[in-house]
Amino acid sequence: MTAAAPLFSPAQAAALLDQVIYEQVLESIDLDAIYRLERSLAVLLAELPGMTAEHVPDALRALIDRALLRLPGDIRRYLRHGPFVAFDAGSRCEESRPTGPPLPYRFTAT
């Protein structure tokens, strides 16, 4: 019996895997919430003294883009350290580990 030829070339398999992972990550983002935030910010910006209707879209885009650009670093920190960091009234960082089975190993880029 001969081995079947691969369905995909290595490049095709890598592209497919990349697309599947991208779609899974995108699915975990609440795009509707980001849309609602954007609409809310648009109203607030339009009410600012001196803000013209022509400037609202650019200001809105800049605000959202700045926040989105911070996400990769914040997500990496979260994946590296987990959701266990809490701040007390003195702003000291206290780590509390959940009880139960150990967390699965997290692969992180260095």
PDB file of N, CA and C in Angstrom:
ATOM      1  N   MET A   1       0.840  -1.177   0.000  1.00  0.00           N
ATOM      2  CA  MET A   1       0.000   0.000   0.000  1.00  0.00           C
ATOM      3  C   MET A   1       0.886   1.243   0.000  1.00  0.00           C
ATOM      4  N   THR A   2       0.595   2.202  -0.840  1.00  0.00           N
ATOM      5  CA  THR A   2       1.398   3.423  -0.924  1.00  0.00           C
ATOM      6  C   THR A   2       0.762   4.524  -0.100  1.00  0.00           C
ATOM      7  N   ALA A   3       1.608   5.388   0.385  1.00  0.00           N
ATOM      8  CA  ALA A   3       1.130   6.517   1.188  1.00  0.00           C
ATOM      9  C   ALA A   3       0.418   7.521   0.289  1.00  0.00           C
ATOM     10  N   ALA A   4      -0.666   8.057   0.787  1.00  0.00           N
ATOM     11  CA  ALA A   4      -1.407   9.070   0.024  1.00  0.00           C
ATOM     12  C   ALA A   4      -0.620  10.359  -0.013  1.00  0.00           C
ATOM     13  N   ALA A   5      -0.724  11.052  -1.124  1.00  0.00           N
ATOM     14  CA  ALA A   5      -0.051  12.344  -1.257  1.00  0.00           C
ATOM     15  C   ALA A   5      -0.687  13.333  -0.291  1.00  0.00           C
ATOM     16  N   PRO A   6       0.110  14.230   0.288  1.00  0.00           N
ATOM     17  CA  PRO A   6      -0.460  15.227   1.201  1.00  0.00           C
ATOM     18  C   PRO A   6      -1.501  16.094   0.484  1.00  0.00           C
ATOM     19  N   LEU A   7      -2.524  16.463   1.224  1.00  0.00           N
ATOM     20  CA  LEU A   7      -3.564  17.318   0.649  1.00  0.00           C
ATOM     21  C   LEU A   7      -3.069  18.738   0.397  1.00  0.00           C
ATOM     22  N   PHE A   8      -2.159  19.190   1.258  1.00  0.00           N
ATOM     23  CA  PHE A   8      -1.685  20.569   1.165  1.00  0.00           C
ATOM     24  C   PHE A   8      -0.168  20.590   1.142  1.00  0.00           C
ATOM     25  N   SER A   9       0.357  21.586   0.468  1.00  0.00           N
ATOM     26  CA  SER A   9       1.797  21.819   0.545  1.00  0.00           C
ATOM     27  C   SER A   9       2.089  22.410   1.925  1.00  0.00           C
ATOM     28  N   PRO A  10       3.343  22.386   2.371  1.00  0.00           N
ATOM     29  CA  PRO A  10       3.648  23.018   3.667  1.00  0.00           C
ATOM     30  C   PRO A  10       3.208  24.483   3.726  1.00  0.00           C
ATOM     31  N   ALA A  11       3.386  25.214   2.648  1.00  0.00           N
ATOM     32  CA  ALA A  11       2.971  26.628   2.637  1.00  0.00           C
ATOM     33  C   ALA A  11       1.457  26.762   2.751  1.00  0.00           C
ATOM     34  N   GLN A  12       0.724  25.891   2.064  1.00  0.00           N
ATOM     35  CA  GLN A  12      -0.739  25.929   2.141  1.00  0.00           C
ATOM     36  C   GLN A  12      -1.215  25.556   3.547  1.00  0.00           C
ATOM     37  N   ALA A  13      -0.601  24.537   4.143  1.00  0.00           N
ATOM     38  CA  ALA A  13      -0.978  24.122   5.495  1.00  0.00           C
ATOM     39  C   ALA A  13      -0.700  25.241   6.490  1.00  0.00           C
ATOM     40  N   ALA A  14       0.432  25.918   6.348  1.00  0.00           N
ATOM     41  CA  ALA A  14       0.764  27.031   7.242  1.00  0.00           C
ATOM     42  C   ALA A  14      -0.238  28.169   7.081  1.00  0.00           C
ATOM     43  N   ALA A  15      -0.617  28.479   5.832  1.00  0.00           N
ATOM     44  CA  ALA A  15      -1.589  29.549   5.586  1.00  0.00           C
ATOM     45  C   ALA A  15      -2.951  29.185   6.171  1.00  0.00           C
ATOM     46  N   LEU A  16      -3.353  27.924   6.026  1.00  0.00           N
ATOM     47  CA  LEU A  16      -4.628  27.479   6.574  1.00  0.00           C
ATOM     48  C   LEU A  16      -4.624  27.555   8.101  1.00  0.00           C
ATOM     49  N   LEU A  17      -3.560  27.083   8.723  1.00  0.00           N
ATOM     50  CA  LEU A  17      -3.443  27.144  10.176  1.00  0.00           C
ATOM     51  C   LEU A  17      -3.472  28.591  10.666  1.00  0.00           C
ATOM     52  N   ASP A  18      -2.757  29.463   9.977  1.00  0.00           N
ATOM     53  CA  ASP A  18      -2.748  30.879  10.340  1.00  0.00           C
ATOM     54  C   ASP A  18      -4.154  31.465  10.281  1.00  0.00           C
ATOM     55  N   GLN A  19      -4.915  31.133   9.247  1.00  0.00           N
ATOM     56  CA  GLN A  19      -6.276  31.659   9.100  1.00  0.00           C
ATOM     57  C   GLN A  19      -7.195  31.118  10.187  1.00  0.00           C
ATOM     58  N   VAL A  20      -7.081  29.834  10.512  1.00  0.00           N
ATOM     59  CA  VAL A  20      -7.919  29.231  11.551  1.00  0.00           C
ATOM     60  C   VAL A  20      -7.633  29.879  12.904  1.00  0.00           C
ATOM     61  N   ILE A  21      -6.360  30.069  13.225  1.00  0.00           N
ATOM     62  CA  ILE A  21      -6.005  30.696  14.504  1.00  0.00           C
ATOM     63  C   ILE A  21      -6.490  32.140  14.542  1.00  0.00           C
ATOM     64  N   TYR A  22      -6.308  32.875  13.448  1.00  0.00           N
ATOM     65  CA  TYR A  22      -6.790  34.257  13.375  1.00  0.00           C
ATOM     66  C   TYR A  22      -8.290  34.316  13.643  1.00  0.00           C
ATOM     67  N   GLU A  23      -9.057  33.430  12.998  1.00  0.00           N
ATOM     68  CA  GLU A  23     -10.508  33.440  13.176  1.00  0.00           C
ATOM     69  C   GLU A  23     -10.895  33.118  14.619  1.00  0.00           C
ATOM     70  N   GLN A  24     -10.161  32.223  15.272  1.00  0.00           N
ATOM     71  CA  GLN A  24     -10.442  31.893  16.666  1.00  0.00           C
ATOM     72  C   GLN A  24     -10.146  33.088  17.578  1.00  0.00           C
ATOM     73  N   VAL A  25      -9.053  33.775  17.327  1.00  0.00           N
ATOM     74  CA  VAL A  25      -8.709  34.960  18.134  1.00  0.00           C
ATOM     75  C   VAL A  25      -9.748  36.054  17.899  1.00  0.00           C
ATOM     76  N   LEU A  26     -10.093  36.293  16.643  1.00  0.00           N
ATOM     77  CA  LEU A  26     -11.081  37.324  16.324  1.00  0.00           C
ATOM     78  C   LEU A  26     -12.425  37.013  16.965  1.00  0.00           C
ATOM     79  N   GLU A  27     -12.788  35.744  17.010  1.00  0.00           N
ATOM     80  CA  GLU A  27     -14.048  35.344  17.623  1.00  0.00           C
ATOM     81  C   GLU A  27     -14.076  35.638  19.124  1.00  0.00           C
ATOM     82  N   SER A  28     -12.909  35.688  19.748  1.00  0.00           N
ATOM     83  CA  SER A  28     -12.857  35.948  21.186  1.00  0.00           C
ATOM     84  C   SER A  28     -12.931  37.431  21.522  1.00  0.00           C
ATOM     85  N   ILE A  29     -12.938  38.286  20.524  1.00  0.00           N
ATOM     86  CA  ILE A  29     -13.016  39.734  20.728  1.00  0.00           C
ATOM     87  C   ILE A  29     -14.467  40.175  20.559  1.00  0.00           C
ATOM     88  N   ASP A  30     -14.950  40.961  21.490  1.00  0.00           N
ATOM     89  CA  ASP A  30     -16.330  41.440  21.436  1.00  0.00           C
ATOM     90  C   ASP A  30     -16.390  42.680  20.541  1.00  0.00           C
ATOM     91  N   LEU A  31     -16.517  42.435  19.240  1.00  0.00           N
ATOM     92  CA  LEU A  31     -16.550  43.540  18.279  1.00  0.00           C
ATOM     93  C   LEU A  31     -17.781  44.411  18.450  1.00  0.00           C
ATOM     94  N   ASP A  32     -18.890  43.821  18.879  1.00  0.00           N
ATOM     95  CA  ASP A  32     -20.097  44.614  19.122  1.00  0.00           C
ATOM     96  C   ASP A  32     -19.869  45.620  20.242  1.00  0.00           C
ATOM     97  N   ALA A  33     -19.145  45.215  21.285  1.00  0.00           N
ATOM     98  CA  ALA A  33     -18.847  46.129  22.392  1.00  0.00           C
ATOM     99  C   ALA A  33     -17.942  47.259  21.920  1.00  0.00           C
ATOM    100  N   ILE A  34     -16.978  46.945  21.067  1.00  0.00           N
ATOM    101  CA  ILE A  34     -16.094  47.992  20.529  1.00  0.00           C
ATOM    102  C   ILE A  34     -16.908  48.956  19.670  1.00  0.00           C
ATOM    103  N   TYR A  35     -17.842  48.431  18.891  1.00  0.00           N
ATOM    104  CA  TYR A  35     -18.705  49.287  18.079  1.00  0.00           C
ATOM    105  C   TYR A  35     -19.537  50.208  18.966  1.00  0.00           C
ATOM    106  N   ARG A  36     -20.134  49.653  20.048  1.00  0.00           N
ATOM    107  CA  ARG A  36     -20.937  50.485  20.949  1.00  0.00           C
ATOM    108  C   ARG A  36     -20.077  51.559  21.618  1.00  0.00           C
ATOM    109  N   LEU A  37     -18.869  51.196  22.000  1.00  0.00           N
ATOM    110  CA  LEU A  37     -17.952  52.170  22.590  1.00  0.00           C
ATOM    111  C   LEU A  37     -17.654  53.287  21.597  1.00  0.00           C
ATOM    112  N   GLU A  38     -17.411  52.916  20.364  1.00  0.00           N
ATOM    113  CA  GLU A  38     -17.112  53.912  19.334  1.00  0.00           C
ATOM    114  C   GLU A  38     -18.280  54.873  19.146  1.00  0.00           C
ATOM    115  N   ARG A  39     -19.490  54.353  19.113  1.00  0.00           N
ATOM    116  CA  ARG A  39     -20.679  55.207  18.959  1.00  0.00           C
ATOM    117  C   ARG A  39     -20.811  56.140  20.163  1.00  0.00           C
ATOM    118  N   SER A  40     -20.603  55.619  21.351  1.00  0.00           N
ATOM    119  CA  SER A  40     -20.695  56.427  22.555  1.00  0.00           C
ATOM    120  C   SER A  40     -19.641  57.532  22.561  1.00  0.00           C
ATOM    121  N   LEU A  41     -18.420  57.171  22.194  1.00  0.00           N
ATOM    122  CA  LEU A  41     -17.356  58.179  22.127  1.00  0.00           C
ATOM    123  C   LEU A  41     -17.653  59.249  21.080  1.00  0.00           C
ATOM    124  N   ALA A  42     -18.265  58.855  19.981  1.00  0.00           N
ATOM    125  CA  ALA A  42     -18.604  59.822  18.932  1.00  0.00           C
ATOM    126  C   ALA A  42     -19.555  60.887  19.473  1.00  0.00           C
ATOM    127  N   VAL A  43     -20.524  60.450  20.262  1.00  0.00           N
ATOM    128  CA  VAL A  43     -21.477  61.397  20.852  1.00  0.00           C
ATOM    129  C   VAL A  43     -20.752  62.325  21.829  1.00  0.00           C
ATOM    130  N   LEU A  44     -19.907  61.756  22.681  1.00  0.00           N
ATOM    131  CA  LEU A  44     -19.167  62.563  23.650  1.00  0.00           C
ATOM    132  C   LEU A  44     -18.242  63.561  22.964  1.00  0.00           C
ATOM    133  N   LEU A  45     -17.553  63.096  21.929  1.00  0.00           N
ATOM    134  CA  LEU A  45     -16.651  64.003  21.204  1.00  0.00           C
ATOM    135  C   LEU A  45     -17.428  65.142  20.554  1.00  0.00           C
ATOM    136  N   ALA A  46     -18.575  64.838  19.979  1.00  0.00           N
ATOM    137  CA  ALA A  46     -19.378  65.862  19.305  1.00  0.00           C
ATOM    138  C   ALA A  46     -19.850  66.933  20.281  1.00  0.00           C
ATOM    139  N   GLU A  47     -19.959  66.581  21.577  1.00  0.00           N
ATOM    140  CA  GLU A  47     -20.423  67.542  22.582  1.00  0.00           C
ATOM    141  C   GLU A  47     -19.294  68.390  23.162  1.00  0.00           C
ATOM    142  N   LEU A  48     -18.052  68.064  22.834  1.00  0.00           N
ATOM    143  CA  LEU A  48     -16.927  68.846  23.366  1.00  0.00           C
ATOM    144  C   LEU A  48     -16.925  70.251  22.782  1.00  0.00           C
ATOM    145  N   PRO A  49     -16.667  71.254  23.613  1.00  0.00           N
ATOM    146  CA  PRO A  49     -16.576  72.625  23.099  1.00  0.00           C
ATOM    147  C   PRO A  49     -15.442  72.721  22.065  1.00  0.00           C
ATOM    148  N   GLY A  50     -15.744  73.331  20.954  1.00  0.00           N
ATOM    149  CA  GLY A  50     -14.741  73.540  19.920  1.00  0.00           C
ATOM    150  C   GLY A  50     -14.558  72.361  18.971  1.00  0.00           C
ATOM    151  N   MET A  51     -15.199  71.229  19.239  1.00  0.00           N
ATOM    152  CA  MET A  51     -15.083  70.065  18.358  1.00  0.00           C
ATOM    153  C   MET A  51     -16.086  70.218  17.225  1.00  0.00           C
ATOM    154  N   THR A  52     -15.583  70.198  16.011  1.00  0.00           N
ATOM    155  CA  THR A  52     -16.466  70.317  14.854  1.00  0.00           C
ATOM    156  C   THR A  52     -16.822  68.934  14.332  1.00  0.00           C
ATOM    157  N   ALA A  53     -17.916  68.860  13.604  1.00  0.00           N
ATOM    158  CA  ALA A  53     -18.372  67.588  13.037  1.00  0.00           C
ATOM    159  C   ALA A  53     -17.318  66.985  12.110  1.00  0.00           C
ATOM    160  N   GLU A  54     -16.531  67.835  11.466  1.00  0.00           N
ATOM    161  CA  GLU A  54     -15.494  67.343  10.547  1.00  0.00           C
ATOM    162  C   GLU A  54     -14.347  66.667  11.301  1.00  0.00           C
ATOM    163  N   HIS A  55     -14.104  67.095  12.539  1.00  0.00           N
ATOM    164  CA  HIS A  55     -12.985  66.554  13.311  1.00  0.00           C
ATOM    165  C   HIS A  55     -13.350  65.299  14.115  1.00  0.00           C
ATOM    166  N   VAL A  56     -14.636  65.058  14.337  1.00  0.00           N
ATOM    167  CA  VAL A  56     -15.058  63.919  15.153  1.00  0.00           C
ATOM    168  C   VAL A  56     -14.547  62.586  14.599  1.00  0.00           C
ATOM    169  N   PRO A  57     -14.718  62.297  13.305  1.00  0.00           N
ATOM    170  CA  PRO A  57     -14.251  60.989  12.812  1.00  0.00           C
ATOM    171  C   PRO A  57     -12.745  60.764  13.013  1.00  0.00           C
ATOM    172  N   ASP A  58     -11.939  61.792  12.758  1.00  0.00           N
ATOM    173  CA  ASP A  58     -10.492  61.644  12.928  1.00  0.00           C
ATOM    174  C   ASP A  58     -10.112  61.472  14.397  1.00  0.00           C
ATOM    175  N   ALA A  59     -10.737  62.259  15.285  1.00  0.00           N
ATOM    176  CA  ALA A  59     -10.450  62.133  16.717  1.00  0.00           C
ATOM    177  C   ALA A  59     -10.891  60.763  17.227  1.00  0.00           C
ATOM    178  N   LEU A  60     -12.052  60.323  16.794  1.00  0.00           N
ATOM    179  CA  LEU A  60     -12.577  59.028  17.196  1.00  0.00           C
ATOM    180  C   LEU A  60     -11.650  57.902  16.741  1.00  0.00           C
ATOM    181  N   ARG A  61     -11.234  57.950  15.499  1.00  0.00           N
ATOM    182  CA  ARG A  61     -10.329  56.940  14.954  1.00  0.00           C
ATOM    183  C   ARG A  61      -9.016  56.921  15.738  1.00  0.00           C
ATOM    184  N   ALA A  62      -8.494  58.092  16.048  1.00  0.00           N
ATOM    185  CA  ALA A  62      -7.232  58.178  16.794  1.00  0.00           C
ATOM    186  C   ALA A  62      -7.376  57.572  18.193  1.00  0.00           C
ATOM    187  N   LEU A  63      -8.479  57.865  18.877  1.00  0.00           N
ATOM    188  CA  LEU A  63      -8.703  57.318  20.218  1.00  0.00           C
ATOM    189  C   LEU A  63      -8.798  55.788  20.199  1.00  0.00           C
ATOM    190  N   ILE A  64      -9.604  55.274  19.294  1.00  0.00           N
ATOM    191  CA  ILE A  64      -9.784  53.822  19.216  1.00  0.00           C
ATOM    192  C   ILE A  64      -8.487  53.150  18.771  1.00  0.00           C
ATOM    193  N   ASP A  65      -7.824  53.719  17.776  1.00  0.00           N
ATOM    194  CA  ASP A  65      -6.567  53.129  17.287  1.00  0.00           C
ATOM    195  C   ASP A  65      -5.508  53.078  18.379  1.00  0.00           C
ATOM    196  N   ARG A  66      -5.407  54.136  19.178  1.00  0.00           N
ATOM    197  CA  ARG A  66      -4.418  54.142  20.268  1.00  0.00           C
ATOM    198  C   ARG A  66      -4.712  53.035  21.272  1.00  0.00           C
ATOM    199  N   ALA A  67      -5.974  52.835  21.586  1.00  0.00           N
ATOM    200  CA  ALA A  67      -6.346  51.771  22.519  1.00  0.00           C
ATOM    201  C   ALA A  67      -6.063  50.394  21.909  1.00  0.00           C
ATOM    202  N   LEU A  68      -6.407  50.218  20.644  1.00  0.00           N
ATOM    203  CA  LEU A  68      -6.183  48.929  19.987  1.00  0.00           C
ATOM    204  C   LEU A  68      -4.693  48.603  19.859  1.00  0.00           C
ATOM    205  N   LEU A  69      -3.877  49.619  19.651  1.00  0.00           N
ATOM    206  CA  LEU A  69      -2.438  49.381  19.538  1.00  0.00           C
ATOM    207  C   LEU A  69      -1.829  48.895  20.847  1.00  0.00           C
ATOM    208  N   ARG A  70      -2.473  49.180  21.966  1.00  0.00           N
ATOM    209  CA  ARG A  70      -1.978  48.723  23.272  1.00  0.00           C
ATOM    210  C   ARG A  70      -2.317  47.259  23.530  1.00  0.00           C
ATOM    211  N   LEU A  71      -3.290  46.726  22.817  1.00  0.00           N
ATOM    212  CA  LEU A  71      -3.767  45.370  23.086  1.00  0.00           C
ATOM    213  C   LEU A  71      -2.703  44.277  22.973  1.00  0.00           C
ATOM    214  N   PRO A  72      -1.879  44.237  21.937  1.00  0.00           N
ATOM    215  CA  PRO A  72      -0.917  43.122  21.859  1.00  0.00           C
ATOM    216  C   PRO A  72      -0.040  42.992  23.098  1.00  0.00           C
ATOM    217  N   GLY A  73       0.483  44.090  23.604  1.00  0.00           N
ATOM    218  CA  GLY A  73       1.306  44.033  24.811  1.00  0.00           C
ATOM    219  C   GLY A  73       0.500  43.609  26.025  1.00  0.00           C
ATOM    220  N   ASP A  74      -0.718  44.128  26.153  1.00  0.00           N
ATOM    221  CA  ASP A  74      -1.561  43.767  27.293  1.00  0.00           C
ATOM    222  C   ASP A  74      -1.956  42.290  27.233  1.00  0.00           C
ATOM    223  N   ILE A  75      -2.273  41.811  26.061  1.00  0.00           N
ATOM    224  CA  ILE A  75      -2.645  40.405  25.903  1.00  0.00           C
ATOM    225  C   ILE A  75      -1.456  39.512  26.224  1.00  0.00           C
ATOM    226  N   ARG A  76      -0.271  39.890  25.774  1.00  0.00           N
ATOM    227  CA  ARG A  76       0.931  39.087  26.069  1.00  0.00           C
ATOM    228  C   ARG A  76       1.175  39.026  27.568  1.00  0.00           C
ATOM    229  N   ARG A  77       1.027  40.160  28.268  1.00  0.00           N
ATOM    230  CA  ARG A  77       1.203  40.162  29.730  1.00  0.00           C
ATOM    231  C   ARG A  77       0.161  39.264  30.391  1.00  0.00           C
ATOM    232  N   TYR A  78      -1.053  39.329  29.947  1.00  0.00           N
ATOM    233  CA  TYR A  78      -2.116  38.497  30.502  1.00  0.00           C
ATOM    234  C   TYR A  78      -1.806  37.017  30.289  1.00  0.00           C
ATOM    235  N   LEU A  79      -1.381  36.666  29.084  1.00  0.00           N
ATOM    236  CA  LEU A  79      -1.066  35.267  28.794  1.00  0.00           C
ATOM    237  C   LEU A  79       0.131  34.785  29.604  1.00  0.00           C
ATOM    238  N   ARG A  80       1.075  35.679  29.859  1.00  0.00           N
ATOM    239  CA  ARG A  80       2.274  35.322  30.614  1.00  0.00           C
ATOM    240  C   ARG A  80       1.972  35.166  32.101  1.00  0.00           C
ATOM    241  N   HIS A  81       1.125  36.036  32.651  1.00  0.00           N
ATOM    242  CA  HIS A  81       0.921  36.067  34.100  1.00  0.00           C
ATOM    243  C   HIS A  81      -0.456  35.607  34.544  1.00  0.00           C
ATOM    244  N   GLY A  82      -1.397  35.547  33.660  1.00  0.00           N
ATOM    245  CA  GLY A  82      -2.733  35.107  34.022  1.00  0.00           C
ATOM    246  C   GLY A  82      -3.549  36.204  34.668  1.00  0.00           C
ATOM    247  N   PRO A  83      -4.791  35.910  34.945  1.00  0.00           N
ATOM    248  CA  PRO A  83      -5.721  36.914  35.499  1.00  0.00           C
ATOM    249  C   PRO A  83      -5.680  37.001  37.015  1.00  0.00           C
ATOM    250  N   PHE A  84      -4.567  36.671  37.641  1.00  0.00           N
ATOM    251  CA  PHE A  84      -4.544  36.529  39.085  1.00  0.00           C
ATOM    252  C   PHE A  84      -4.003  37.737  39.819  1.00  0.00           C
ATOM    253  N   VAL A  85      -3.658  38.798  39.150  1.00  0.00           N
ATOM    254  CA  VAL A  85      -3.076  39.959  39.800  1.00  0.00           C
ATOM    255  C   VAL A  85      -4.201  40.871  40.295  1.00  0.00           C
ATOM    256  N   ALA A  86      -4.158  41.218  41.571  1.00  0.00           N
ATOM    257  CA  ALA A  86      -5.163  42.110  42.158  1.00  0.00           C
ATOM    258  C   ALA A  86      -4.443  43.230  42.896  1.00  0.00           C
ATOM    259  N   PHE A  87      -5.083  44.363  43.012  1.00  0.00           N
ATOM    260  CA  PHE A  87      -4.497  45.511  43.699  1.00  0.00           C
ATOM    261  C   PHE A  87      -5.296  45.799  44.956  1.00  0.00           C
ATOM    262  N   ASP A  88      -4.579  45.999  46.062  1.00  0.00           N
ATOM    263  CA  ASP A  88      -5.271  46.341  47.299  1.00  0.00           C
ATOM    264  C   ASP A  88      -5.358  47.864  47.420  1.00  0.00           C
ATOM    265  N   ALA A  89      -5.877  48.348  48.533  1.00  0.00           N
ATOM    266  CA  ALA A  89      -6.069  49.789  48.723  1.00  0.00           C
ATOM    267  C   ALA A  89      -4.758  50.557  48.669  1.00  0.00           C
ATOM    268  N   GLY A  90      -3.645  49.923  49.056  1.00  0.00           N
ATOM    269  CA  GLY A  90      -2.342  50.579  49.022  1.00  0.00           C
ATOM    270  C   GLY A  90      -1.661  50.437  47.680  1.00  0.00           C
ATOM    271  N   SER A  91      -2.366  49.944  46.674  1.00  0.00           N
ATOM    272  CA  SER A  91      -1.839  49.727  45.328  1.00  0.00           C
ATOM    273  C   SER A  91      -0.647  48.777  45.299  1.00  0.00           C
ATOM    274  N   ARG A  92      -0.590  47.887  46.281  1.00  0.00           N
ATOM    275  CA  ARG A  92       0.434  46.848  46.227  1.00  0.00           C
ATOM    276  C   ARG A  92      -0.118  45.703  45.408  1.00  0.00           C
ATOM    277  N   CYS A  93       0.742  45.118  44.666  1.00  0.00           N
ATOM    278  CA  CYS A  93       0.345  44.007  43.824  1.00  0.00           C
ATOM    279  C   CYS A  93       0.320  42.732  44.661  1.00  0.00           C
ATOM    280  N   GLU A  94      -0.814  42.084  44.697  1.00  0.00           N
ATOM    281  CA  GLU A  94      -0.926  40.835  45.433  1.00  0.00           C
ATOM    282  C   GLU A  94      -1.358  39.746  44.469  1.00  0.00           C
ATOM    283  N   GLU A  95      -0.690  38.633  44.540  1.00  0.00           N
ATOM    284  CA  GLU A  95      -1.013  37.545  43.645  1.00  0.00           C
ATOM    285  C   GLU A  95      -1.814  36.502  44.399  1.00  0.00           C
ATOM    286  N   SER A  96      -2.936  36.122  43.870  1.00  0.00           N
ATOM    287  CA  SER A  96      -3.739  35.069  44.477  1.00  0.00           C
ATOM    288  C   SER A  96      -3.956  33.983  43.443  1.00  0.00           C
ATOM    289  N   ARG A  97      -3.568  32.802  43.771  1.00  0.00           N
ATOM    290  CA  ARG A  97      -3.702  31.668  42.867  1.00  0.00           C
ATOM    291  C   ARG A  97      -5.056  30.997  43.079  1.00  0.00           C
ATOM    292  N   PRO A  98      -5.707  30.608  41.985  1.00  0.00           N
ATOM    293  CA  PRO A  98      -6.968  29.907  42.139  1.00  0.00           C
ATOM    294  C   PRO A  98      -6.720  28.502  42.674  1.00  0.00           C
ATOM    295  N   THR A  99      -7.718  27.963  43.346  1.00  0.00           N
ATOM    296  CA  THR A  99      -7.604  26.590  43.801  1.00  0.00           C
ATOM    297  C   THR A  99      -8.101  25.688  42.682  1.00  0.00           C
ATOM    298  N   GLY A 100      -7.736  24.449  42.731  1.00  0.00           N
ATOM    299  CA  GLY A 100      -8.177  23.503  41.710  1.00  0.00           C
ATOM    300  C   GLY A 100      -6.999  22.964  40.931  1.00  0.00           C
ATOM    301  N   PRO A 101      -7.285  22.322  39.819  1.00  0.00           N
ATOM    302  CA  PRO A 101      -6.207  21.713  39.037  1.00  0.00           C
ATOM    303  C   PRO A 101      -5.269  22.775  38.484  1.00  0.00           C
ATOM    304  N   PRO A 102      -4.024  22.411  38.210  1.00  0.00           N
ATOM    305  CA  PRO A 102      -3.086  23.390  37.671  1.00  0.00           C
ATOM    306  C   PRO A 102      -3.523  23.862  36.288  1.00  0.00           C
ATOM    307  N   LEU A 103      -3.133  25.087  35.966  1.00  0.00           N
ATOM    308  CA  LEU A 103      -3.455  25.633  34.661  1.00  0.00           C
ATOM    309  C   LEU A 103      -2.631  24.940  33.588  1.00  0.00           C
ATOM    310  N   PRO A 104      -3.152  24.837  32.358  1.00  0.00           N
ATOM    311  CA  PRO A 104      -2.361  24.236  31.286  1.00  0.00           C
ATOM    312  C   PRO A 104      -1.161  25.118  30.955  1.00  0.00           C
ATOM    313  N   TYR A 105      -0.140  24.512  30.410  1.00  0.00           N
ATOM    314  CA  TYR A 105       1.051  25.265  30.031  1.00  0.00           C
ATOM    315  C   TYR A 105       0.691  26.285  28.973  1.00  0.00           C
ATOM    316  N   ARG A 106       1.209  27.488  29.093  1.00  0.00           N
ATOM    317  CA  ARG A 106       0.952  28.540  28.122  1.00  0.00           C
ATOM    318  C   ARG A 106       2.182  28.759  27.278  1.00  0.00           C
ATOM    319  N   PHE A 107       2.035  28.663  25.991  1.00  0.00           N
ATOM    320  CA  PHE A 107       3.128  28.951  25.071  1.00  0.00           C
ATOM    321  C   PHE A 107       3.147  30.443  24.833  1.00  0.00           C
ATOM    322  N   THR A 108       4.278  31.081  25.043  1.00  0.00           N
ATOM    323  CA  THR A 108       4.382  32.515  24.825  1.00  0.00           C
ATOM    324  C   THR A 108       5.597  32.806  23.964  1.00  0.00           C
ATOM    325  N   ALA A 109       5.443  33.804  23.128  1.00  0.00           N
ATOM    326  CA  ALA A 109       6.572  34.240  22.300  1.00  0.00           C
ATOM    327  C   ALA A 109       7.504  35.071  23.152  1.00  0.00           C
ATOM    328  N   THR A 110       8.775  34.932  22.937  1.00  0.00           N
ATOM    329  CA  THR A 110       9.747  35.721  23.699  1.00  0.00           C
ATOM    330  C   THR A 110      10.371  36.762  22.821  1.00  0.00           C
TER     331      THR A 110
END
